[in-house]
Protein backbone atom coordinates (compact mmCIF):
# COMPACT_ATOMS: atom_id res chain seq x y z
CA UNK A 1 101.49 92.38 80.71
CA UNK A 2 103.91 92.78 77.84
CA UNK A 3 106.82 90.37 78.25
CA UNK A 4 109.44 93.12 77.78
CA UNK A 5 108.01 95.04 80.77
CA UNK A 6 108.25 92.21 83.32
CA UNK A 7 111.80 93.17 84.38
CA UNK A 8 110.54 96.61 85.40
CA UNK A 9 107.92 95.51 87.93
CA UNK A 10 108.55 96.78 91.48
CA UNK A 11 106.42 95.07 94.11
CA UNK A 12 104.78 96.70 97.12
CA UNK A 13 106.30 96.49 100.58
CA UNK A 14 103.49 95.65 102.98
CA UNK A 15 103.99 93.30 105.91
CA UNK A 16 101.78 91.59 108.45
CA UNK A 17 102.57 94.25 111.07
CA UNK A 18 102.22 97.23 108.70
CA UNK A 19 99.95 99.92 110.19
CA UNK A 20 100.50 102.83 107.77
CA UNK A 21 100.81 102.53 103.98
CA UNK A 22 102.39 105.29 101.89
CA UNK A 23 100.87 105.40 98.40
CA UNK A 24 102.96 106.92 95.60
CA UNK A 25 102.81 107.10 91.80
CA UNK A 26 105.19 104.57 90.30
CA UNK A 27 108.78 103.32 90.43
CA UNK A 28 111.61 104.94 88.49
CA UNK A 29 115.19 103.91 87.69
CA UNK A 30 116.50 103.51 91.27
CA UNK A 31 113.42 101.54 92.27
CA UNK A 32 113.78 99.18 89.30
CA UNK A 33 117.50 98.78 90.01
CA UNK A 34 117.02 98.09 93.75
CA UNK A 35 113.75 96.19 93.53
CA UNK A 36 111.73 98.21 96.05
CA UNK A 37 109.74 101.48 96.03
CA UNK A 38 111.15 104.89 96.99
CA UNK A 39 114.80 103.88 96.58
CA UNK A 40 116.07 107.18 95.17
CA UNK A 41 116.34 110.81 96.22
CA UNK A 42 112.68 111.10 97.23
CA UNK A 43 113.20 108.10 99.49
CA UNK A 44 116.21 109.72 101.16
CA UNK A 45 114.22 112.94 101.65
CA UNK A 46 111.35 110.98 103.23
CA UNK A 47 113.69 109.27 105.70
CA UNK A 48 115.49 112.50 106.58
CA UNK A 49 112.30 114.45 107.19
CA UNK A 50 110.45 111.74 109.13
CA UNK A 51 113.26 110.06 111.07
CA UNK A 52 116.52 111.98 110.53
CA UNK A 53 117.96 108.98 108.69
CA UNK A 54 119.95 109.17 105.45
CA UNK A 55 119.01 105.80 103.92
CA UNK A 56 116.20 105.66 101.36
CA UNK A 57 112.78 105.14 102.94
CA UNK A 58 112.13 102.11 100.73
CA UNK A 59 115.37 100.47 101.86
CA UNK A 60 114.47 100.93 105.52
CA UNK A 61 111.09 99.30 104.92
CA UNK A 62 112.54 96.59 102.65
CA UNK A 63 115.05 95.69 105.39
CA UNK A 64 112.19 95.76 107.95
CA UNK A 65 113.81 98.51 110.01
CA UNK A 66 110.46 100.36 109.90
CA UNK A 67 108.11 97.41 110.35
CA UNK A 68 104.93 99.38 110.94
CA UNK A 69 105.22 101.23 107.62
CA UNK A 70 104.50 100.01 104.10
CA UNK A 71 104.84 101.25 100.53
CA UNK A 72 102.56 100.82 97.55
CA UNK A 73 102.77 102.45 94.13
CA UNK A 74 99.64 103.05 92.06
CA UNK A 75 101.51 101.43 89.17
CA UNK A 76 104.07 98.67 89.76
CA UNK A 77 105.64 99.66 86.43
CA UNK A 78 107.45 102.96 85.83
CA UNK A 79 105.22 105.51 84.12
CA UNK A 80 108.18 107.54 82.84
CA UNK A 81 109.70 106.37 79.57
CA UNK A 82 113.15 107.40 80.78
CA UNK A 83 113.12 104.46 83.23
CA UNK A 84 113.19 101.97 80.34
CA UNK A 85 116.25 100.81 78.43
CA UNK A 86 114.30 100.49 75.19
CA UNK A 87 111.37 102.92 75.46
CA UNK A 88 109.62 102.06 72.19
CA UNK A 89 106.58 100.04 73.26
CA UNK A 90 103.31 101.82 72.40
CA UNK A 91 102.05 101.36 75.95
CA UNK A 92 104.90 103.60 77.20
CA UNK A 93 103.36 106.50 75.30
CA UNK A 94 100.18 105.84 77.25
CA UNK A 95 102.13 105.71 80.51
CA UNK A 96 103.50 109.21 79.92
CA UNK A 97 99.99 110.51 79.23
CA UNK A 98 98.56 108.70 82.26
CA UNK A 99 101.23 110.32 84.48
CA UNK A 100 99.57 113.66 83.81
CA UNK A 101 96.18 112.38 85.00
CA UNK A 102 95.28 108.83 86.04
CA UNK A 103 91.54 109.26 85.49
CA UNK A 104 89.77 107.59 82.55
CA UNK A 105 89.44 109.82 79.47
CA UNK A 106 86.25 110.68 77.65
CA UNK A 107 87.65 112.17 74.46
CA UNK A 108 90.70 110.00 73.79
CA UNK A 109 90.94 106.65 72.10
CA UNK A 110 89.53 103.79 74.10
CA UNK A 111 92.90 101.99 74.17
CA UNK A 112 94.36 104.40 76.75
CA UNK A 113 91.34 103.76 78.94
CA UNK A 114 92.08 100.03 78.78
CA UNK A 115 95.55 100.74 80.19
CA UNK A 116 94.14 103.09 82.85
CA UNK A 117 91.43 100.60 83.80
CA UNK A 118 93.96 97.77 84.14
CA UNK A 119 96.30 99.94 86.25
CA UNK A 120 93.50 101.17 88.54
CA UNK A 121 91.97 97.70 88.86
CA UNK A 122 95.36 96.29 89.87
CA UNK A 123 95.87 99.17 92.34
CA UNK A 124 92.43 98.61 93.83
CA UNK A 125 93.03 94.87 94.26
CA UNK A 126 96.34 95.48 96.03
CA UNK A 127 95.07 98.19 98.41
CA UNK A 128 91.50 97.08 99.18
CA UNK A 129 92.70 94.23 101.38
CA UNK A 130 94.30 96.82 103.71
CA UNK A 131 91.24 98.84 104.71
CA UNK A 132 92.20 98.41 108.36
CA UNK A 133 95.35 100.49 107.76
CA UNK A 134 96.09 104.20 107.76
CA UNK A 135 96.86 105.53 104.26
CA UNK A 136 99.21 108.36 103.29
CA UNK A 137 98.56 109.61 99.74
CA UNK A 138 101.76 111.23 98.45
CA UNK A 139 101.03 113.76 95.73
CA UNK A 140 98.25 114.63 93.31
CA UNK A 141 98.64 111.53 91.17
CA UNK A 142 98.19 109.22 94.17
CA UNK A 143 95.22 111.30 95.35
CA UNK A 144 93.54 111.29 91.93
CA UNK A 145 93.97 107.55 91.38
CA UNK A 146 92.78 106.78 94.92
CA UNK A 147 89.70 108.98 94.44
CA UNK A 148 88.72 107.09 91.28
CA UNK A 149 88.49 103.75 93.11
CA UNK A 150 88.04 104.49 96.85
CA UNK A 151 86.49 106.83 99.39
CA UNK A 152 88.49 108.05 102.39
CA UNK A 153 85.97 106.57 104.83
CA UNK A 154 86.72 103.05 103.54
CA UNK A 155 90.03 103.08 105.46
CA UNK A 156 91.01 103.60 109.09
CA UNK A 157 92.32 107.07 108.20
CA UNK A 158 93.65 108.87 105.11
CA UNK A 159 96.16 111.72 105.04
CA UNK A 160 96.98 113.63 101.86
CA UNK A 161 100.48 115.10 101.63
CA UNK A 162 102.59 116.55 98.81
CA UNK A 163 104.83 114.20 96.87
CA UNK A 164 108.27 114.09 98.53
CA UNK A 165 110.14 115.01 95.31
CA UNK A 166 111.80 118.41 94.84
CA UNK A 167 112.33 118.73 98.62
CA UNK A 168 108.59 119.38 99.02
CA UNK A 169 108.54 117.97 102.54
CA UNK A 170 111.09 120.59 103.64
CA UNK A 171 109.27 123.58 102.16
CA UNK A 172 107.78 126.11 104.57
CA UNK A 173 104.40 126.02 102.84
CA UNK A 174 104.04 122.31 103.68
CA UNK A 175 105.40 122.55 107.22
CA UNK A 176 102.00 122.07 108.91
CA UNK A 177 101.10 119.12 106.67
CA UNK A 178 104.42 117.41 107.48
CA UNK A 179 103.81 117.92 111.21
CA UNK A 180 100.49 116.15 110.72
CA UNK A 181 102.28 113.38 108.83
CA UNK A 182 104.81 112.84 111.65
CA UNK A 183 101.95 112.39 114.11
CA UNK A 184 100.00 110.22 111.68
CA UNK A 185 102.83 107.66 111.29
CA UNK A 186 103.34 107.18 115.03
CA UNK A 187 101.88 103.83 116.04
C-alpha cells in the first residue's frame, strides 16, 4: 500500500459473536475521521430504519451495542477522491473508476486490473473466514464485487439490499426488501 494512504484505512468490525455481516463499498470522510465503517448519514439511516436509533450504525457496532452484527467494506480505503486531503496519487484515479464497476476490465490498461485484483483479493481474504455467517450485500457495488469472488451458497445465507444512501431504505419501492432485512438480522 502507498505510504500516504495508510492514514485512510478503516478496518472491519467483526467480532467473535457476530452472526450477520453487512458488506458495503468503502469508507468515506466520516468513516476515516471516526475509524469505523458506516459512521455518517447512511449509518444513521441504517440505525433508524432497523432499530429506531439515531446513532450511526457503525458506532453502535464499534461500541458493541449490536454484538451480533458486523461491518465489512469491500475496500478498506475510500474509493472517492473527495475523502482524501491531497487527492493526487495516480491510484486515486483508479479508485474513482473502480467505484463505477469493481469487476476486472478487458479493454483498459492492465494497471487498473492490478488495483482491482489486489482489492478483491483482500476482500476475499477478509470475508472467506466468515462463511458460517449471514451476509447482507448493501448496493450494486457490494453485489458485483461479491459475485466476482464468491457464490451465495458458500455462506449460511445472503441477502441483497439497496445501499442505504439517499434514504433508499425508507423508499416505498424497497419496503418489502427492508422487511426481509429486518427478519434476516434477527438472531
